[in-house]
Amino acid sequence: RKLIGKVEQKGYTLVPLNLHFSKGNVKCEIGLARGKKQHDKRATTKEREWEVQKGRIARGDLNA
């Protein structure tokens, strides 16, 4: 009940953490997660682009 109440709030979601079989049944461990804010998404995108650029510089491929 607590998890359903939290999921109904904006910005929360249930995330499957672990799936396994036990005596013919599937068991799922779930967690409550909060989504990223817009500024966090921009920071993550910049970091990812910088990692790609570093790889290009290391290979000597400066034109790409």
N, C-alpha and C. Protein backbone atom coordinates (compact mmCIF):
# COMPACT_ATOMS: atom_id res chain seq x y z
N ARG A 1 0.82 -1.19 0.00
CA ARG A 1 0.00 0.00 0.00
C ARG A 1 0.87 1.26 0.00
N LYS A 2 1.95 1.22 0.76
CA LYS A 2 2.83 2.39 0.82
C LYS A 2 3.47 2.65 -0.55
N LEU A 3 3.88 1.57 -1.21
CA LEU A 3 4.51 1.72 -2.52
C LEU A 3 3.53 2.27 -3.54
N ILE A 4 2.31 1.79 -3.52
CA ILE A 4 1.31 2.28 -4.48
C ILE A 4 1.05 3.76 -4.26
N GLY A 5 0.99 4.18 -3.01
CA GLY A 5 0.79 5.59 -2.71
C GLY A 5 1.93 6.45 -3.23
N LYS A 6 3.16 5.96 -3.10
CA LYS A 6 4.32 6.70 -3.59
C LYS A 6 4.35 6.76 -5.11
N VAL A 7 3.98 5.65 -5.76
CA VAL A 7 4.00 5.59 -7.22
C VAL A 7 2.98 6.56 -7.80
N GLU A 8 1.88 6.74 -7.11
CA GLU A 8 0.87 7.66 -7.60
C GLU A 8 1.34 9.12 -7.54
N GLN A 9 2.33 9.41 -6.69
CA GLN A 9 2.90 10.75 -6.65
C GLN A 9 3.73 10.96 -7.91
N LYS A 10 3.83 12.19 -8.34
CA LYS A 10 4.57 12.49 -9.56
C LYS A 10 6.07 12.29 -9.32
N GLY A 11 6.74 11.67 -10.28
CA GLY A 11 8.18 11.53 -10.23
C GLY A 11 8.69 10.24 -9.63
N TYR A 12 7.82 9.37 -9.16
CA TYR A 12 8.25 8.10 -8.58
C TYR A 12 7.86 6.95 -9.50
N THR A 13 8.66 5.89 -9.46
CA THR A 13 8.35 4.70 -10.26
C THR A 13 8.88 3.47 -9.54
N LEU A 14 8.30 2.32 -9.84
CA LEU A 14 8.79 1.05 -9.30
C LEU A 14 9.77 0.45 -10.29
N VAL A 15 10.90 -0.03 -9.78
CA VAL A 15 11.95 -0.58 -10.63
C VAL A 15 12.24 -2.01 -10.17
N PRO A 16 12.22 -2.98 -11.10
CA PRO A 16 12.58 -4.35 -10.71
C PRO A 16 14.09 -4.44 -10.46
N LEU A 17 14.47 -4.89 -9.27
CA LEU A 17 15.88 -4.99 -8.92
C LEU A 17 16.43 -6.40 -9.12
N ASN A 18 15.58 -7.40 -8.88
CA ASN A 18 16.06 -8.77 -8.94
C ASN A 18 14.89 -9.69 -9.29
N LEU A 19 15.11 -10.60 -10.22
CA LEU A 19 14.12 -11.62 -10.56
C LEU A 19 14.75 -12.99 -10.35
N HIS A 20 14.04 -13.89 -9.68
CA HIS A 20 14.53 -15.25 -9.54
C HIS A 20 13.37 -16.21 -9.35
N PHE A 21 13.64 -17.50 -9.60
CA PHE A 21 12.64 -18.54 -9.45
C PHE A 21 12.81 -19.22 -8.10
N SER A 22 11.69 -19.51 -7.45
CA SER A 22 11.71 -20.21 -6.18
C SER A 22 10.52 -21.17 -6.14
N LYS A 23 10.79 -22.45 -6.15
CA LYS A 23 9.75 -23.49 -6.08
C LYS A 23 8.68 -23.29 -7.15
N GLY A 24 9.09 -22.99 -8.36
CA GLY A 24 8.16 -22.84 -9.47
C GLY A 24 7.50 -21.48 -9.57
N ASN A 25 7.80 -20.60 -8.66
CA ASN A 25 7.25 -19.24 -8.69
C ASN A 25 8.35 -18.25 -9.05
N VAL A 26 7.95 -17.17 -9.67
CA VAL A 26 8.90 -16.10 -9.98
C VAL A 26 8.79 -15.06 -8.88
N LYS A 27 9.92 -14.72 -8.30
CA LYS A 27 9.94 -13.69 -7.27
C LYS A 27 10.65 -12.46 -7.82
N CYS A 28 10.11 -11.31 -7.51
CA CYS A 28 10.65 -10.05 -8.02
C CYS A 28 10.89 -9.10 -6.85
N GLU A 29 12.12 -8.67 -6.71
CA GLU A 29 12.45 -7.66 -5.71
C GLU A 29 12.33 -6.30 -6.40
N ILE A 30 11.54 -5.41 -5.82
CA ILE A 30 11.31 -4.12 -6.44
C ILE A 30 11.81 -3.00 -5.54
N GLY A 31 12.12 -1.88 -6.17
CA GLY A 31 12.57 -0.70 -5.44
C GLY A 31 11.82 0.52 -5.93
N LEU A 32 11.76 1.52 -5.09
CA LEU A 32 11.11 2.77 -5.43
C LEU A 32 12.19 3.75 -5.87
N ALA A 33 12.02 4.32 -7.06
CA ALA A 33 13.04 5.22 -7.60
C ALA A 33 12.40 6.54 -7.98
N ARG A 34 13.22 7.56 -7.97
CA ARG A 34 12.77 8.89 -8.36
C ARG A 34 13.45 9.25 -9.67
N GLY A 35 12.71 9.82 -10.60
CA GLY A 35 13.25 10.19 -11.90
C GLY A 35 14.22 11.36 -11.81
N LYS A 36 15.03 11.51 -12.85
CA LYS A 36 15.99 12.61 -12.89
C LYS A 36 15.29 13.92 -13.23
N LYS A 37 15.83 15.00 -12.72
CA LYS A 37 15.35 16.33 -13.08
C LYS A 37 15.97 16.71 -14.42
N GLN A 38 15.44 17.73 -15.06
CA GLN A 38 15.92 18.13 -16.39
C GLN A 38 17.39 18.54 -16.35
N HIS A 39 17.81 19.28 -15.30
CA HIS A 39 19.21 19.72 -15.26
C HIS A 39 20.15 18.53 -15.04
N ASP A 40 19.70 17.49 -14.35
CA ASP A 40 20.51 16.28 -14.19
C ASP A 40 20.68 15.57 -15.53
N LYS A 41 19.62 15.55 -16.33
CA LYS A 41 19.69 14.90 -17.64
C LYS A 41 20.68 15.62 -18.54
N ARG A 42 20.67 16.96 -18.48
CA ARG A 42 21.60 17.73 -19.32
C ARG A 42 23.04 17.45 -18.89
N ALA A 43 23.28 17.38 -17.59
CA ALA A 43 24.63 17.12 -17.10
C ALA A 43 25.10 15.73 -17.54
N THR A 44 24.22 14.75 -17.47
CA THR A 44 24.58 13.39 -17.89
C THR A 44 24.90 13.35 -19.38
N THR A 45 24.12 14.06 -20.18
CA THR A 45 24.36 14.10 -21.63
C THR A 45 25.69 14.75 -21.93
N LYS A 46 26.03 15.84 -21.25
CA LYS A 46 27.32 16.50 -21.46
C LYS A 46 28.47 15.58 -21.09
N GLU A 47 28.35 14.86 -19.98
CA GLU A 47 29.41 13.94 -19.56
C GLU A 47 29.59 12.84 -20.61
N ARG A 48 28.50 12.30 -21.13
CA ARG A 48 28.57 11.24 -22.13
C ARG A 48 29.24 11.75 -23.40
N GLU A 49 28.86 12.96 -23.84
CA GLU A 49 29.47 13.53 -25.04
C GLU A 49 30.96 13.79 -24.83
N TRP A 50 31.35 14.21 -23.63
CA TRP A 50 32.76 14.46 -23.34
C TRP A 50 33.55 13.16 -23.38
N GLU A 51 32.98 12.06 -22.88
CA GLU A 51 33.67 10.77 -22.94
C GLU A 51 33.90 10.34 -24.39
N VAL A 52 32.93 10.55 -25.25
CA VAL A 52 33.07 10.22 -26.68
C VAL A 52 34.16 11.09 -27.29
N GLN A 53 34.15 12.37 -26.97
CA GLN A 53 35.14 13.30 -27.52
C GLN A 53 36.55 12.92 -27.06
N LYS A 54 36.70 12.53 -25.79
CA LYS A 54 38.01 12.11 -25.28
C LYS A 54 38.52 10.90 -26.05
N GLY A 55 37.62 9.96 -26.35
CA GLY A 55 38.02 8.78 -27.11
C GLY A 55 38.49 9.14 -28.50
N ARG A 56 37.81 10.10 -29.12
CA ARG A 56 38.21 10.55 -30.46
C ARG A 56 39.57 11.23 -30.41
N ILE A 57 39.80 12.04 -29.40
CA ILE A 57 41.09 12.73 -29.26
C ILE A 57 42.20 11.71 -29.04
N ALA A 58 41.94 10.71 -28.21
CA ALA A 58 42.94 9.69 -27.93
C ALA A 58 43.30 8.89 -29.18
N ARG A 59 42.32 8.66 -30.05
CA ARG A 59 42.58 7.93 -31.29
C ARG A 59 43.22 8.82 -32.35
N GLY A 60 43.17 10.13 -32.14
CA GLY A 60 43.72 11.05 -33.12
C GLY A 60 42.74 11.41 -34.21
N ASP A 61 41.48 11.08 -34.02
CA ASP A 61 40.42 11.36 -34.99
C ASP A 61 39.77 12.69 -34.63
N LEU A 62 40.42 13.79 -34.94
CA LEU A 62 39.95 15.10 -34.51
C LEU A 62 38.85 15.66 -35.40
N ASN A 63 38.67 15.16 -36.61
CA ASN A 63 37.69 15.71 -37.53
C ASN A 63 36.27 15.21 -37.27
N ALA A 64 36.12 14.10 -36.57
CA ALA A 64 34.79 13.51 -36.37
C ALA A 64 34.04 14.16 -35.24
